[in-house]
């Protein structure tokens, strides 16, 4: 795992990045420090230890192997198919057709059903009950969601990205809860966070709709449900997480680049005209004074307090307990379960199964996917946002992805 810190690069070009945050761990992965703090190193090493231990445990059980130092060394490197076979990591060498023929031989049937096209219910006279699946993927924003671009380059600022807009998700939630055929709603979250306002809007809608319609609302966490991704999850009746889901990161931050030195270096003169003592507090072109720093930090602390309140209310714990597991610290699923941030270790299948049981739905039911307009319904559920993450990582880290030069972009 590599943690990049960009402060020296910014300073080289005369950019002074002023950061504001709540939660002592919040800046660990934001790239805004000179180097990783001692607290940050504790978090990173804890994550690596858990992932490594789980990987080795799954190999031990799944492949019935003793993982000694020799095998550990081999597992840490790329392996050819032949080497993997020799080590007992795979059973046979072959192509897709070989695997398909083996499945036909062992199952006793040649009827192959592709999961993407499988009918969810038998075609009889009556319409089955429905379970709605709504997705929160990649960066959370205000406004409308953006589907993944046809081609995305893993380059900051130019690669293109997808996003989840609060207006889109709230509308989907309203439609699903209001539909009498939908008996339960599952929110699939695979997001590292984003806009504090957008996250809060989604959570507020969930609370309102749950109270109005009394339908089961379940969260299934994917690879990540951290920061704003956790905020939109807290009000669920039950939260399902994978063992290695990256979650928590209950904290707030914003970053404000001061371009004053850069502009002077390039002989650019900025003349400021304003009305109101603090009307230019979000300007990139000046150094903040002590009063302005205090104002911004006060806003950050306010958003953090609201986040803590949401966690306490949603998880039925005290604000003190919420604050103790917060502080911007990232937790993996197993630790999150121990800290009562999630309820069960399981995937989307387990979440749907629980939703069906809680809603009293029979074995005959239909899954309804709510996709971003222009997106692919199935792919939104089964794929993560790796390229999207790399495309937006620097922008999100610097708080610039939706930055208004005259305002503040507060991030969960």
Protein backbone atom coordinates (compact mmCIF):
# COMPACT_ATOMS: atom_id res chain seq x y z
CA UNK A 1 0.00 0.00 0.00
CA UNK A 2 1.37 3.38 -1.00
CA UNK A 3 0.23 6.62 0.62
CA UNK A 4 1.00 9.68 -1.47
CA UNK A 5 1.48 13.07 0.16
CA UNK A 6 1.47 16.09 -2.14
CA UNK A 7 2.36 18.99 0.13
CA UNK A 8 5.96 19.31 -1.09
CA UNK A 9 4.80 19.25 -4.72
CA UNK A 10 2.30 22.01 -4.07
CA UNK A 11 4.85 24.09 -2.18
CA UNK A 12 7.24 23.75 -5.12
CA UNK A 13 4.75 25.67 -7.25
CA UNK A 14 3.89 28.22 -4.60
CA UNK A 15 0.62 26.65 -3.45
CA UNK A 16 -0.06 26.68 0.27
CA UNK A 17 -2.76 24.12 1.06
CA UNK A 18 -4.68 24.99 4.22
CA UNK A 19 -6.56 22.03 5.68
CA UNK A 20 -9.42 21.91 8.16
CA UNK A 21 -10.68 18.67 9.64
CA UNK A 22 -12.48 16.98 12.53
CA UNK A 23 -11.22 13.56 13.59
CA UNK A 24 -7.53 12.93 14.27
CA UNK A 25 -7.34 10.15 11.64
CA UNK A 26 -9.29 11.97 8.92
CA UNK A 27 -6.33 13.13 6.84
CA UNK A 28 -4.53 9.74 6.80
CA UNK A 29 -5.51 8.92 3.21
CA UNK A 30 -6.17 12.39 1.84
CA UNK A 31 -2.63 13.13 0.62
CA UNK A 32 -2.59 16.41 2.52
CA UNK A 33 0.21 15.74 5.02
CA UNK A 34 3.99 16.05 4.83
CA UNK A 35 4.19 12.42 5.93
CA UNK A 36 1.96 9.80 7.53
CA UNK A 37 1.34 10.43 11.22
CA UNK A 38 1.95 7.83 13.94
CA UNK A 39 -1.82 7.41 14.31
CA UNK A 40 -2.16 6.96 10.57
CA UNK A 41 0.50 4.27 10.53
CA UNK A 42 -1.43 2.36 13.20
CA UNK A 43 -4.54 2.40 11.00
CA UNK A 44 -2.66 1.38 7.85
CA UNK A 45 -0.83 -1.49 9.53
CA UNK A 46 -4.06 -2.70 11.12
CA UNK A 47 -5.74 -2.79 7.70
CA UNK A 48 -2.82 -4.67 6.12
CA UNK A 49 -2.69 -7.18 8.99
CA UNK A 50 -6.39 -7.99 8.72
CA UNK A 51 -6.41 -8.31 4.92
CA UNK A 52 -3.31 -10.51 4.97
CA UNK A 53 -4.60 -12.73 7.78
CA UNK A 54 -7.99 -13.17 6.10
CA UNK A 55 -6.36 -14.02 2.78
CA UNK A 56 -4.14 -16.68 4.36
CA UNK A 57 -7.05 -18.07 6.40
CA UNK A 58 -9.22 -18.42 3.29
CA UNK A 59 -6.44 -20.25 1.46
CA UNK A 60 -5.89 -22.54 4.44
CA UNK A 61 -9.57 -23.49 4.65
CA UNK A 62 -10.55 -23.28 1.00
CA UNK A 63 -7.55 -25.13 -0.43
CA UNK A 64 -6.84 -27.32 2.62
CA UNK A 65 -3.24 -26.17 2.68
CA UNK A 66 -0.75 -25.43 5.42
CA UNK A 67 0.49 -21.90 4.81
CA UNK A 68 4.16 -22.00 5.80
CA UNK A 69 6.85 -19.39 5.16
CA UNK A 70 7.64 -20.90 1.75
CA UNK A 71 4.03 -20.66 0.58
CA UNK A 72 3.70 -17.15 2.04
CA UNK A 73 6.69 -16.10 -0.03
CA UNK A 74 5.20 -17.64 -3.16
CA UNK A 75 1.81 -16.05 -2.55
CA UNK A 76 3.40 -12.61 -2.42
CA UNK A 77 4.53 -12.83 -6.05
CA UNK A 78 2.83 -13.26 -9.44
CA UNK A 79 2.46 -16.95 -10.35
CA UNK A 80 2.06 -18.78 -13.63
CA UNK A 81 -0.81 -21.22 -13.98
CA UNK A 82 1.60 -24.14 -13.78
CA UNK A 83 3.16 -22.84 -10.56
CA UNK A 84 -0.27 -22.24 -9.02
CA UNK A 85 -1.23 -25.83 -9.90
CA UNK A 86 2.00 -27.19 -8.39
CA UNK A 87 1.31 -25.33 -5.16
CA UNK A 88 -2.26 -26.62 -4.96
CA UNK A 89 -3.87 -23.22 -5.47
CA UNK A 90 -5.87 -24.44 -8.49
CA UNK A 91 -7.19 -27.92 -9.32
CA UNK A 92 -6.70 -28.08 -13.08
CA UNK A 93 -5.17 -26.16 -15.96
CA UNK A 94 -7.42 -25.35 -18.90
CA UNK A 95 -9.61 -22.86 -20.74
CA UNK A 96 -13.19 -21.65 -20.27
CA UNK A 97 -14.58 -24.49 -22.38
CA UNK A 98 -12.76 -27.01 -20.18
CA UNK A 99 -14.35 -25.49 -17.09
CA UNK A 100 -17.78 -25.46 -18.74
CA UNK A 101 -17.51 -29.10 -19.82
CA UNK A 102 -16.40 -30.06 -16.32
CA UNK A 103 -19.44 -28.29 -14.85
CA UNK A 104 -21.75 -30.09 -17.30
CA UNK A 105 -20.19 -33.45 -16.44
CA UNK A 106 -20.46 -32.96 -12.68
CA UNK A 107 -23.94 -31.40 -12.69
CA UNK A 108 -25.55 -33.89 -15.05
CA UNK A 109 -27.18 -31.17 -17.14
CA UNK A 110 -26.15 -29.16 -20.18
CA UNK A 111 -28.61 -26.36 -19.45
CA UNK A 112 -26.39 -23.33 -18.87
CA UNK A 113 -27.98 -20.21 -17.42
CA UNK A 114 -26.11 -16.91 -17.49
CA UNK A 115 -26.69 -14.99 -14.28
CA UNK A 116 -27.09 -11.65 -16.09
CA UNK A 117 -30.06 -12.96 -18.06
CA UNK A 118 -31.63 -15.27 -15.48
CA UNK A 119 -35.32 -14.73 -14.90
CA UNK A 120 -35.94 -13.67 -11.32
CA UNK A 121 -39.44 -15.16 -11.12
CA UNK A 122 -41.72 -17.60 -12.87
CA UNK A 123 -44.19 -16.15 -15.33
CA UNK A 124 -47.56 -16.80 -13.70
CA UNK A 125 -50.75 -14.82 -13.47
CA UNK A 126 -49.90 -12.74 -10.41
CA UNK A 127 -47.12 -10.17 -10.05
CA UNK A 128 -44.66 -11.17 -7.31
CA UNK A 129 -43.59 -8.90 -4.47
CA UNK A 130 -40.55 -6.78 -5.21
CA UNK A 131 -37.33 -5.92 -3.45
CA UNK A 132 -35.74 -2.69 -4.70
CA UNK A 133 -31.97 -2.29 -4.96
CA UNK A 134 -30.65 1.27 -5.13
CA UNK A 135 -26.96 2.03 -5.54
CA UNK A 136 -24.64 4.61 -4.02
CA UNK A 137 -21.38 4.35 -5.95
CA UNK A 138 -18.14 6.35 -6.21
CA UNK A 139 -18.11 9.99 -5.08
CA UNK A 140 -21.27 11.35 -3.44
CA UNK A 141 -22.33 14.76 -4.75
CA UNK A 142 -25.32 17.04 -4.61
CA UNK A 143 -27.56 17.19 -7.68
CA UNK A 144 -27.87 14.44 -10.28
CA UNK A 145 -25.89 11.21 -10.55
CA UNK A 146 -23.47 10.72 -13.43
CA UNK A 147 -23.09 7.24 -15.01
CA UNK A 148 -19.64 5.81 -15.71
CA UNK A 149 -18.15 7.16 -18.96
CA UNK A 150 -17.77 4.71 -21.89
CA UNK A 151 -13.99 5.08 -21.61
CA UNK A 152 -12.24 6.31 -18.50
CA UNK A 153 -8.56 7.08 -18.13
CA UNK A 154 -6.98 6.63 -14.68
CA UNK A 155 -5.62 10.17 -14.74
CA UNK A 156 -6.52 12.88 -12.23
CA UNK A 157 -8.79 15.66 -13.55
CA UNK A 158 -8.92 14.28 -17.13
CA UNK A 159 -10.00 10.67 -16.74
CA UNK A 160 -13.73 11.21 -16.30
CA UNK A 161 -15.67 9.62 -13.49
CA UNK A 162 -19.03 8.53 -12.19
CA UNK A 163 -20.79 10.00 -9.20
CA UNK A 164 -23.86 9.52 -7.06
CA UNK A 165 -26.00 12.63 -6.80
CA UNK A 166 -28.23 13.13 -3.77
CA UNK A 167 -31.18 14.33 -5.89
CA UNK A 168 -31.09 11.16 -7.99
CA UNK A 169 -30.85 8.82 -5.00
CA UNK A 170 -33.58 10.62 -3.03
CA UNK A 171 -35.92 10.38 -6.05
CA UNK A 172 -35.15 6.66 -6.42
CA UNK A 173 -35.77 6.11 -2.71
CA UNK A 174 -39.07 7.99 -2.90
CA UNK A 175 -40.19 5.95 -5.92
CA UNK A 176 -39.22 2.64 -4.31
CA UNK A 177 -40.83 3.34 -0.93
CA UNK A 178 -44.02 4.69 -2.55
CA UNK A 179 -44.40 1.70 -4.90
CA UNK A 180 -46.94 -0.67 -3.26
CA UNK A 181 -45.36 -3.64 -5.07
CA UNK A 182 -41.99 -2.94 -3.41
CA UNK A 183 -41.99 -4.55 0.02
CA UNK A 184 -38.37 -3.87 1.02
CA UNK A 185 -35.50 -1.61 -0.06
CA UNK A 186 -31.81 -2.55 -0.16
CA UNK A 187 -29.22 0.20 -0.51
CA UNK A 188 -26.00 -1.08 -2.09
CA UNK A 189 -23.15 1.21 -1.02
CA UNK A 190 -19.72 1.21 -2.66
CA UNK A 191 -18.47 4.71 -1.96
CA UNK A 192 -15.67 6.36 -0.04
CA UNK A 193 -17.77 9.47 0.58
CA UNK A 194 -17.90 12.94 -0.91
CA UNK A 195 -20.15 15.92 -0.33
CA UNK A 196 -21.22 16.35 3.31
CA UNK A 197 -24.43 18.05 2.22
CA UNK A 198 -25.26 15.35 -0.35
CA UNK A 199 -24.67 12.58 2.20
CA UNK A 200 -26.84 14.33 4.79
CA UNK A 201 -29.65 14.84 2.25
CA UNK A 202 -29.74 11.12 1.45
CA UNK A 203 -29.75 10.15 5.12
CA UNK A 204 -32.54 12.62 5.91
CA UNK A 205 -34.66 11.17 3.10
CA UNK A 206 -34.10 7.64 4.39
CA UNK A 207 -35.26 8.60 7.89
CA UNK A 208 -38.32 10.38 6.51
CA UNK A 209 -39.35 7.56 4.15
CA UNK A 210 -38.82 4.81 6.73
CA UNK A 211 -41.09 6.64 9.14
CA UNK A 212 -43.77 7.22 6.49
CA UNK A 213 -43.90 3.81 4.78
CA UNK A 214 -42.69 1.40 7.50
CA UNK A 215 -40.83 -0.77 4.95
CA UNK A 216 -37.64 -2.69 5.77
CA UNK A 217 -34.54 -0.76 4.72
CA UNK A 218 -31.31 -2.76 4.54
CA UNK A 219 -27.78 -1.69 3.60
CA UNK A 220 -25.31 -3.93 1.78
CA UNK A 221 -21.76 -2.58 1.79
CA UNK A 222 -19.43 -3.34 -1.08
CA UNK A 223 -15.68 -2.72 -1.17
CA UNK A 224 -16.07 0.64 0.56
CA UNK A 225 -18.73 2.40 2.59
CA UNK A 226 -16.65 5.02 4.33
CA UNK A 227 -17.19 8.60 5.43
CA UNK A 228 -20.21 9.83 3.44
CA UNK A 229 -20.70 6.23 2.33
CA UNK A 230 -21.16 5.32 5.99
CA UNK A 231 -23.32 8.37 6.66
CA UNK A 232 -25.95 7.19 4.13
CA UNK A 233 -25.90 3.73 5.76
CA UNK A 234 -26.41 4.55 9.43
CA UNK A 235 -30.21 4.65 9.44
CA UNK A 236 -30.69 1.14 8.05
CA UNK A 237 -32.63 -1.52 9.93
CA UNK A 238 -29.60 -3.74 9.42
CA UNK A 239 -26.17 -3.18 7.85
CA UNK A 240 -24.35 -6.02 6.07
CA UNK A 241 -20.62 -5.67 5.45
CA UNK A 242 -17.97 -7.88 3.93
CA UNK A 243 -15.08 -8.85 6.19
CA UNK A 244 -12.79 -6.55 4.23
CA UNK A 245 -15.15 -3.67 3.49
CA UNK A 246 -13.43 -0.33 4.13
CA UNK A 247 -15.87 1.59 6.32
CA UNK A 248 -16.03 4.11 9.14
CA UNK A 249 -13.92 7.21 8.45
CA UNK A 250 -16.46 9.20 10.45
CA UNK A 251 -14.98 12.65 10.13
CA UNK A 252 -14.95 15.84 8.08
CA UNK A 253 -12.40 17.79 6.10
CA UNK A 254 -11.96 20.54 3.59
CA UNK A 255 -8.88 21.97 1.92
CA UNK A 256 -8.29 25.45 0.62
CA UNK A 257 -5.33 26.13 -1.67
CA UNK A 258 -3.78 29.56 -1.23
CA UNK A 259 -2.43 30.60 -4.63
CA UNK A 260 -1.02 33.95 -3.51
CA UNK A 261 2.66 32.92 -3.82
CA UNK A 262 2.05 31.24 -7.17
CA UNK A 263 0.37 34.33 -8.58
CA UNK A 264 3.17 36.60 -7.37
CA UNK A 265 5.73 34.22 -8.88
CA UNK A 266 3.93 34.46 -12.22
CA UNK A 267 3.59 38.27 -11.88
CA UNK A 268 -0.21 38.05 -11.70
CA UNK A 269 -1.87 40.81 -9.70
CA UNK A 270 -5.24 40.14 -8.07
CA UNK A 271 -7.41 43.08 -7.03
CA UNK A 272 -10.14 42.17 -4.56
CA UNK A 273 -13.43 44.07 -4.31
CA UNK A 274 -15.92 42.89 -1.72
CA UNK A 275 -18.80 43.76 0.57
CA UNK A 276 -18.86 42.18 4.01
CA UNK A 277 -15.89 41.45 6.25
CA UNK A 278 -15.69 37.74 5.45
CA UNK A 279 -17.32 37.54 2.03
CA UNK A 280 -14.07 36.36 0.42
CA UNK A 281 -13.35 33.66 3.00
CA UNK A 282 -13.38 30.97 0.32
CA UNK A 283 -11.04 32.80 -2.05
CA UNK A 284 -7.97 30.96 -3.33
CA UNK A 285 -6.03 34.18 -3.66
CA UNK A 286 -5.23 35.20 -0.09
CA UNK A 287 -3.91 33.92 3.22
CA UNK A 288 -6.61 33.32 5.81
CA UNK A 289 -6.41 35.37 8.99
CA UNK A 290 -7.05 33.94 12.48
CA UNK A 291 -10.72 34.97 12.48
CA UNK A 292 -11.37 33.27 9.13
CA UNK A 293 -9.56 30.11 10.25
CA UNK A 294 -11.75 30.04 13.36
CA UNK A 295 -14.91 30.44 11.25
CA UNK A 296 -14.02 27.58 8.90
CA UNK A 297 -12.95 25.26 11.70
CA UNK A 298 -16.24 26.04 13.44
CA UNK A 299 -18.13 24.91 10.33
CA UNK A 300 -16.08 21.70 10.18
CA UNK A 301 -16.76 21.00 13.86
CA UNK A 302 -20.48 21.60 13.27
CA UNK A 303 -20.60 19.05 10.44
CA UNK A 304 -18.66 16.58 12.56
CA UNK A 305 -21.15 16.99 15.39
CA UNK A 306 -24.03 16.32 12.96
CA UNK A 307 -22.24 13.21 11.68
CA UNK A 308 -21.77 11.94 15.25
CA UNK A 309 -25.44 12.61 16.01
CA UNK A 310 -26.50 10.67 12.92
CA UNK A 311 -24.30 7.71 13.88
CA UNK A 312 -25.56 7.74 17.46
CA UNK A 313 -29.19 7.89 16.38
CA UNK A 314 -28.88 5.34 13.61
CA UNK A 315 -26.81 2.82 15.55
CA UNK A 316 -28.68 3.34 18.84
CA UNK A 317 -25.56 4.26 20.79
CA UNK A 318 -24.54 7.31 22.80
CA UNK A 319 -22.78 10.26 21.19
CA UNK A 320 -19.73 9.49 23.32
CA UNK A 321 -19.63 5.91 21.99
CA UNK A 322 -20.02 7.21 18.44
CA UNK A 323 -17.19 9.70 18.91
CA UNK A 324 -14.89 6.99 20.30
CA UNK A 325 -15.15 4.90 17.10
CA UNK A 326 -15.17 7.98 14.87
CA UNK A 327 -12.31 10.49 14.70
CA UNK A 328 -12.02 9.85 10.96
CA UNK A 329 -10.59 6.37 11.52
CA UNK A 330 -11.01 3.75 8.81
CA UNK A 331 -12.16 0.29 9.93
CA UNK A 332 -12.34 -2.96 7.99
CA UNK A 333 -15.55 -4.97 8.17
CA UNK A 334 -14.46 -7.35 10.93
CA UNK A 335 -13.39 -4.50 13.22
CA UNK A 336 -16.49 -2.50 12.27
CA UNK A 337 -18.61 -5.46 13.38
CA UNK A 338 -16.78 -5.61 16.72
CA UNK A 339 -17.27 -1.84 17.14
CA UNK A 340 -21.01 -2.19 16.34
CA UNK A 341 -20.75 -0.03 13.24
CA UNK A 342 -22.27 -2.88 11.19
CA UNK A 343 -24.67 -5.65 12.17
CA UNK A 344 -23.72 -8.68 10.08
CA UNK A 345 -20.84 -9.97 7.98
CA UNK A 346 -22.30 -10.82 4.59
CA UNK A 347 -22.80 -9.69 1.02
CA UNK A 348 -25.66 -8.56 -1.19
CA UNK A 349 -27.23 -12.03 -1.23
CA UNK A 350 -27.45 -12.12 2.57
CA UNK A 351 -28.89 -8.59 2.61
CA UNK A 352 -31.61 -9.53 0.12
CA UNK A 353 -32.36 -12.73 2.03
CA UNK A 354 -32.77 -10.78 5.26
CA UNK A 355 -34.91 -8.10 3.57
CA UNK A 356 -37.21 -10.80 2.18
CA UNK A 357 -37.59 -12.41 5.60
CA UNK A 358 -38.19 -9.11 7.42
CA UNK A 359 -40.80 -8.04 4.85
CA UNK A 360 -42.56 -11.42 4.99
CA UNK A 361 -42.05 -12.07 1.27
CA UNK A 362 -42.47 -15.61 -0.08
CA UNK A 363 -39.82 -17.49 -2.06
CA UNK A 364 -41.34 -16.06 -5.22
CA UNK A 365 -40.22 -12.45 -5.58
CA UNK A 366 -38.67 -10.03 -8.07
CA UNK A 367 -35.54 -7.89 -7.76
CA UNK A 368 -35.90 -4.38 -9.16
CA UNK A 369 -32.69 -2.43 -9.85
CA UNK A 370 -32.75 1.36 -9.89
CA UNK A 371 -29.96 2.44 -12.25
CA UNK A 372 -28.45 5.82 -13.01
CA UNK A 373 -30.02 7.06 -16.29
CA UNK A 374 -27.70 5.92 -19.05
CA UNK A 375 -26.04 3.33 -16.81
CA UNK A 376 -26.19 -0.47 -16.73
CA UNK A 377 -28.42 -1.87 -13.98
CA UNK A 378 -26.57 -5.12 -13.39
CA UNK A 379 -23.10 -3.66 -13.77
CA UNK A 380 -23.90 -1.00 -11.17
CA UNK A 381 -24.51 -3.75 -8.65
CA UNK A 382 -21.70 -6.18 -9.45
CA UNK A 383 -18.83 -3.88 -10.41
CA UNK A 384 -16.85 -1.51 -8.24
CA UNK A 385 -15.45 1.86 -9.16
CA UNK A 386 -11.70 1.31 -9.27
CA UNK A 387 -10.97 3.45 -12.34
CA UNK A 388 -13.42 6.06 -11.12
CA UNK A 389 -11.60 6.17 -7.79
CA UNK A 390 -8.22 6.82 -9.38
CA UNK A 391 -9.75 9.39 -11.73
CA UNK A 392 -11.15 11.46 -8.87
CA UNK A 393 -8.73 10.70 -6.03
CA UNK A 394 -6.58 13.81 -6.28
CA UNK A 395 -9.55 16.08 -6.89
CA UNK A 396 -11.40 14.70 -3.88
CA UNK A 397 -8.25 14.79 -1.75
CA UNK A 398 -7.74 18.47 -2.43
CA UNK A 399 -11.45 19.26 -2.08
CA UNK A 400 -11.54 20.57 -5.65
CA UNK A 401 -13.96 18.21 -7.39
CA UNK A 402 -16.92 20.54 -6.86
CA UNK A 403 -15.05 23.55 -5.55
CA UNK A 404 -16.62 26.96 -5.83
CA UNK A 405 -13.77 29.50 -5.67
CA UNK A 406 -16.02 31.71 -3.55
CA UNK A 407 -17.29 28.97 -1.25
CA UNK A 408 -16.28 25.96 0.84
CA UNK A 409 -16.56 22.33 -0.19
CA UNK A 410 -17.11 20.31 2.98
CA UNK A 411 -16.29 16.61 2.60
CA UNK A 412 -17.37 13.51 4.48
